[in-house]
C-alpha atoms as a PDB file:
ATOM      1  CA  UNK A   1     -48.328  81.504 115.741  1.00  0.00           C
ATOM      2  CA  UNK A   2     -51.043  78.882 116.042  1.00  0.00           C
ATOM      3  CA  UNK A   3     -52.028  79.375 112.316  1.00  0.00           C
ATOM      4  CA  UNK A   4     -48.476  78.918 110.993  1.00  0.00           C
ATOM      5  CA  UNK A   5     -48.172  75.973 108.645  1.00  0.00           C
ATOM      6  CA  UNK A   6     -44.780  74.193 108.248  1.00  0.00           C
ATOM      7  CA  UNK A   7     -45.032  75.279 104.792  1.00  0.00           C
ATOM      8  CA  UNK A   8     -44.971  78.972 105.818  1.00  0.00           C
ATOM      9  CA  UNK A   9     -41.576  78.580 107.220  1.00  0.00           C
ATOM     10  CA  UNK A  10     -38.631  78.214 104.894  1.00  0.00           C
ATOM     11  CA  UNK A  11     -35.462  77.741 106.769  1.00  0.00           C
ATOM     12  CA  UNK A  12     -33.290  77.431 103.821  1.00  0.00           C
ATOM     13  CA  UNK A  13     -34.168  80.762 102.633  1.00  0.00           C
ATOM     14  CA  UNK A  14     -34.920  82.164 106.038  1.00  0.00           C
ATOM     15  CA  UNK A  15     -38.454  83.306 105.331  1.00  0.00           C
ATOM     16  CA  UNK A  16     -41.591  83.242 107.368  1.00  0.00           C
ATOM     17  CA  UNK A  17     -44.927  84.019 105.961  1.00  0.00           C
ATOM     18  CA  UNK A  18     -48.116  84.883 107.713  1.00  0.00           C
ATOM     19  CA  UNK A  19     -51.046  83.969 105.678  1.00  0.00           C
ATOM     20  CA  UNK A  20     -53.779  83.008 108.055  1.00  0.00           C
ATOM     21  CA  UNK A  21     -54.815  84.028 111.517  1.00  0.00           C
ATOM     22  CA  UNK A  22     -56.113  81.420 114.141  1.00  0.00           C
ATOM     23  CA  UNK A  23     -59.337  82.475 115.874  1.00  0.00           C
ATOM     24  CA  UNK A  24     -60.399  80.911 119.180  1.00  0.00           C
ATOM     25  CA  UNK A  25     -63.481  82.397 120.663  1.00  0.00           C
ATOM     26  CA  UNK A  26     -63.582  82.475 124.593  1.00  0.00           C
ATOM     27  CA  UNK A  27     -67.339  82.158 124.802  1.00  0.00           C
ATOM     28  CA  UNK A  28     -67.457  79.241 122.263  1.00  0.00           C
ATOM     29  CA  UNK A  29     -65.606  76.120 121.616  1.00  0.00           C
ATOM     30  CA  UNK A  30     -65.550  77.083 117.942  1.00  0.00           C
ATOM     31  CA  UNK A  31     -62.045  77.426 116.446  1.00  0.00           C
ATOM     32  CA  UNK A  32     -61.087  78.407 112.934  1.00  0.00           C
ATOM     33  CA  UNK A  33     -58.588  79.978 110.495  1.00  0.00           C
ATOM     34  CA  UNK A  34     -59.372  83.023 108.754  1.00  0.00           C
ATOM     35  CA  UNK A  35     -57.659  85.759 106.548  1.00  0.00           C
ATOM     36  CA  UNK A  36     -56.037  88.529 108.227  1.00  0.00           C
ATOM     37  CA  UNK A  37     -58.209  91.691 108.700  1.00  0.00           C
ATOM     38  CA  UNK A  38     -56.261  93.514 105.946  1.00  0.00           C
ATOM     39  CA  UNK A  39     -54.116  92.575 102.976  1.00  0.00           C
ATOM     40  CA  UNK A  40     -51.132  94.107 104.896  1.00  0.00           C
ATOM     41  CA  UNK A  41     -51.710  91.239 107.504  1.00  0.00           C
ATOM     42  CA  UNK A  42     -50.584  88.665 104.813  1.00  0.00           C
ATOM     43  CA  UNK A  43     -46.915  89.253 104.872  1.00  0.00           C
ATOM     44  CA  UNK A  44     -43.420  88.077 105.334  1.00  0.00           C
ATOM     45  CA  UNK A  45     -42.182  88.423 108.861  1.00  0.00           C
ATOM     46  CA  UNK A  46     -38.540  89.711 109.727  1.00  0.00           C
ATOM     47  CA  UNK A  47     -36.898  87.269 111.907  1.00  0.00           C
ATOM     48  CA  UNK A  48     -33.607  88.122 113.733  1.00  0.00           C
ATOM     49  CA  UNK A  49     -30.628  86.184 112.701  1.00  0.00           C
ATOM     50  CA  UNK A  50     -29.936  84.659 116.098  1.00  0.00           C
ATOM     51  CA  UNK A  51     -33.566  83.135 116.058  1.00  0.00           C
ATOM     52  CA  UNK A  52     -33.067  81.067 112.874  1.00  0.00           C
ATOM     53  CA  UNK A  53     -31.045  78.313 114.441  1.00  0.00           C
ATOM     54  CA  UNK A  54     -33.887  77.812 116.850  1.00  0.00           C
ATOM     55  CA  UNK A  55     -36.498  77.755 114.234  1.00  0.00           C
ATOM     56  CA  UNK A  56     -34.322  75.298 112.168  1.00  0.00           C
ATOM     57  CA  UNK A  57     -33.981  72.926 115.060  1.00  0.00           C
ATOM     58  CA  UNK A  58     -37.638  73.194 115.860  1.00  0.00           C
ATOM     59  CA  UNK A  59     -38.451  72.404 112.275  1.00  0.00           C
ATOM     60  CA  UNK A  60     -36.306  69.250 112.311  1.00  0.00           C
ATOM     61  CA  UNK A  61     -37.405  68.033 115.651  1.00  0.00           C
ATOM     62  CA  UNK A  62     -40.887  69.250 116.656  1.00  0.00           C
ATOM     63  CA  UNK A  63     -42.691  70.702 113.655  1.00  0.00           C
ATOM     64  CA  UNK A  64     -45.734  68.656 112.580  1.00  0.00           C
ATOM     65  CA  UNK A  65     -46.464  67.736 108.970  1.00  0.00           C
ATOM     66  CA  UNK A  66     -49.086  70.422 108.454  1.00  0.00           C
ATOM     67  CA  UNK A  67     -48.598  72.851 111.340  1.00  0.00           C
ATOM     68  CA  UNK A  68     -45.334  74.443 112.553  1.00  0.00           C
ATOM     69  CA  UNK A  69     -46.253  74.401 116.170  1.00  0.00           C
ATOM     70  CA  UNK A  70     -47.972  71.349 117.650  1.00  0.00           C
ATOM     71  CA  UNK A  71     -48.833  70.123 121.158  1.00  0.00           C
ATOM     72  CA  UNK A  72     -47.219  67.495 123.103  1.00  0.00           C
ATOM     73  CA  UNK A  73     -50.075  65.214 121.886  1.00  0.00           C
ATOM     74  CA  UNK A  74     -49.150  65.903 118.279  1.00  0.00           C
ATOM     75  CA  UNK A  75     -52.239  67.765 117.717  1.00  0.00           C
ATOM     76  CA  UNK A  76     -52.604  71.337 116.562  1.00  0.00           C
ATOM     77  CA  UNK A  77     -51.283  73.680 119.339  1.00  0.00           C
ATOM     78  CA  UNK A  78     -53.932  75.355 121.452  1.00  0.00           C
ATOM     79  CA  UNK A  79     -53.902  79.245 121.580  1.00  0.00           C
ATOM     80  CA  UNK A  80     -53.300  79.587 125.331  1.00  0.00           C
ATOM     81  CA  UNK A  81     -50.327  77.349 125.297  1.00  0.00           C
ATOM     82  CA  UNK A  82     -48.049  80.167 124.145  1.00  0.00           C
ATOM     83  CA  UNK A  83     -49.511  82.516 126.839  1.00  0.00           C
ATOM     84  CA  UNK A  84     -48.966  79.820 129.453  1.00  0.00           C
ATOM     85  CA  UNK A  85     -45.374  79.400 128.544  1.00  0.00           C
ATOM     86  CA  UNK A  86     -44.951  83.063 128.426  1.00  0.00           C
ATOM     87  CA  UNK A  87     -46.451  83.388 132.172  1.00  0.00           C
ATOM     88  CA  UNK A  88     -44.118  80.606 133.370  1.00  0.00           C
ATOM     89  CA  UNK A  89     -40.958  82.405 131.938  1.00  0.00           C
ATOM     90  CA  UNK A  90     -42.010  85.715 133.130  1.00  0.00           C
ATOM     91  CA  UNK A  91     -42.589  84.517 136.631  1.00  0.00           C
ATOM     92  CA  UNK A  92     -39.406  82.566 136.613  1.00  0.00           C
ATOM     93  CA  UNK A  93     -37.517  85.829 135.686  1.00  0.00           C
ATOM     94  CA  UNK A  94     -39.515  88.132 137.839  1.00  0.00           C
ATOM     95  CA  UNK A  95     -40.745  90.228 134.750  1.00  0.00           C
ATOM     96  CA  UNK A  96     -43.981  92.301 134.804  1.00  0.00           C
ATOM     97  CA  UNK A  97     -44.503  92.864 130.983  1.00  0.00           C
ATOM     98  CA  UNK A  98     -47.394  91.431 129.138  1.00  0.00           C
ATOM     99  CA  UNK A  99     -47.278  89.173 126.104  1.00  0.00           C
ATOM    100  CA  UNK A 100     -48.710  92.010 124.069  1.00  0.00           C
ATOM    101  CA  UNK A 101     -45.812  94.430 125.195  1.00  0.00           C
ATOM    102  CA  UNK A 102     -43.434  92.244 123.106  1.00  0.00           C
ATOM    103  CA  UNK A 103     -45.206  93.327 119.984  1.00  0.00           C
ATOM    104  CA  UNK A 104     -44.767  96.968 120.981  1.00  0.00           C
ATOM    105  CA  UNK A 105     -41.197  96.600 121.742  1.00  0.00           C
ATOM    106  CA  UNK A 106     -40.478  95.116 118.465  1.00  0.00           C
ATOM    107  CA  UNK A 107     -42.297  98.063 116.655  1.00  0.00           C
ATOM    108  CA  UNK A 108     -40.910 100.791 118.903  1.00  0.00           C
ATOM    109  CA  UNK A 109     -37.255  99.655 119.034  1.00  0.00           C
ATOM    110  CA  UNK A 110     -36.523 101.524 115.725  1.00  0.00           C
ATOM    111  CA  UNK A 111     -38.260 104.709 116.934  1.00  0.00           C
ATOM    112  CA  UNK A 112     -36.002 104.566 120.069  1.00  0.00           C
ATOM    113  CA  UNK A 113     -32.985 104.560 117.811  1.00  0.00           C
ATOM    114  CA  UNK A 114     -34.519 107.754 115.964  1.00  0.00           C
ATOM    115  CA  UNK A 115     -35.386 106.065 112.729  1.00  0.00           C
ATOM    116  CA  UNK A 116     -37.734 108.088 110.458  1.00  0.00           C
ATOM    117  CA  UNK A 117     -41.480 107.468 110.723  1.00  0.00           C
ATOM    118  CA  UNK A 118     -41.558 106.218 107.191  1.00  0.00           C
ATOM    119  CA  UNK A 119     -38.845 103.700 107.907  1.00  0.00           C
ATOM    120  CA  UNK A 120     -40.927 102.409 110.911  1.00  0.00           C
ATOM    121  CA  UNK A 121     -44.061 102.422 108.894  1.00  0.00           C
ATOM    122  CA  UNK A 122     -42.355 100.123 106.301  1.00  0.00           C
ATOM    123  CA  UNK A 123     -40.887  97.933 109.063  1.00  0.00           C
ATOM    124  CA  UNK A 124     -44.258  97.291 110.820  1.00  0.00           C
ATOM    125  CA  UNK A 125     -46.269  97.767 107.459  1.00  0.00           C
ATOM    126  CA  UNK A 126     -48.445 100.351 109.089  1.00  0.00           C
ATOM    127  CA  UNK A 127     -51.037 101.870 106.873  1.00  0.00           C
ATOM    128  CA  UNK A 128     -50.873 105.456 108.386  1.00  0.00           C
ATOM    129  CA  UNK A 129     -48.556 107.881 110.130  1.00  0.00           C
ATOM    130  CA  UNK A 130     -51.213 108.681 112.964  1.00  0.00           C
ATOM    131  CA  UNK A 131     -51.049 104.864 113.958  1.00  0.00           C
ATOM    132  CA  UNK A 132     -47.324 104.938 114.231  1.00  0.00           C
ATOM    133  CA  UNK A 133     -47.321 108.185 116.207  1.00  0.00           C
ATOM    134  CA  UNK A 134     -49.959 106.696 118.603  1.00  0.00           C
ATOM    135  CA  UNK A 135     -47.900 103.480 119.062  1.00  0.00           C
ATOM    136  CA  UNK A 136     -44.897 105.791 119.912  1.00  0.00           C
ATOM    137  CA  UNK A 137     -46.919 107.772 122.298  1.00  0.00           C
ATOM    138  CA  UNK A 138     -47.981 104.535 124.167  1.00  0.00           C
ATOM    139  CA  UNK A 139     -44.482 103.006 124.119  1.00  0.00           C
ATOM    140  CA  UNK A 140     -43.126 106.211 125.700  1.00  0.00           C
ATOM    141  CA  UNK A 141     -45.522 106.278 128.342  1.00  0.00           C
ATOM    142  CA  UNK A 142     -44.572 102.798 129.449  1.00  0.00           C
ATOM    143  CA  UNK A 143     -40.852 103.159 129.517  1.00  0.00           C
END
């Protein structure tokens, strides 16, 4: 999310594109953008219809000229800002899930609805059947 540029989000055509990843190393103050690990990582992201009004409002009121998500100081948002906000919301609602669990929820919802493996692979742009099967096993062990 920290690498999303304002140009990556087209609220008129309802498209969000991932073109870069933001890297912030824990053991170093060095921060940089890089290409995703694979070509599959460069992709359009499916955004649920009920989220578009929020993205549109954010684009109009808060997005920076270069980066879509910026800090209160107008500078590029730091990587831990999302995590800190998530922890505050999680604590307020009494939840125990992790931020990473949200990714698995988005990927496994189709499987819980009995979608075919091939459909799930297309949806999450997974390169292999074993990867999808492994994710399903992890998801089932947590639910």
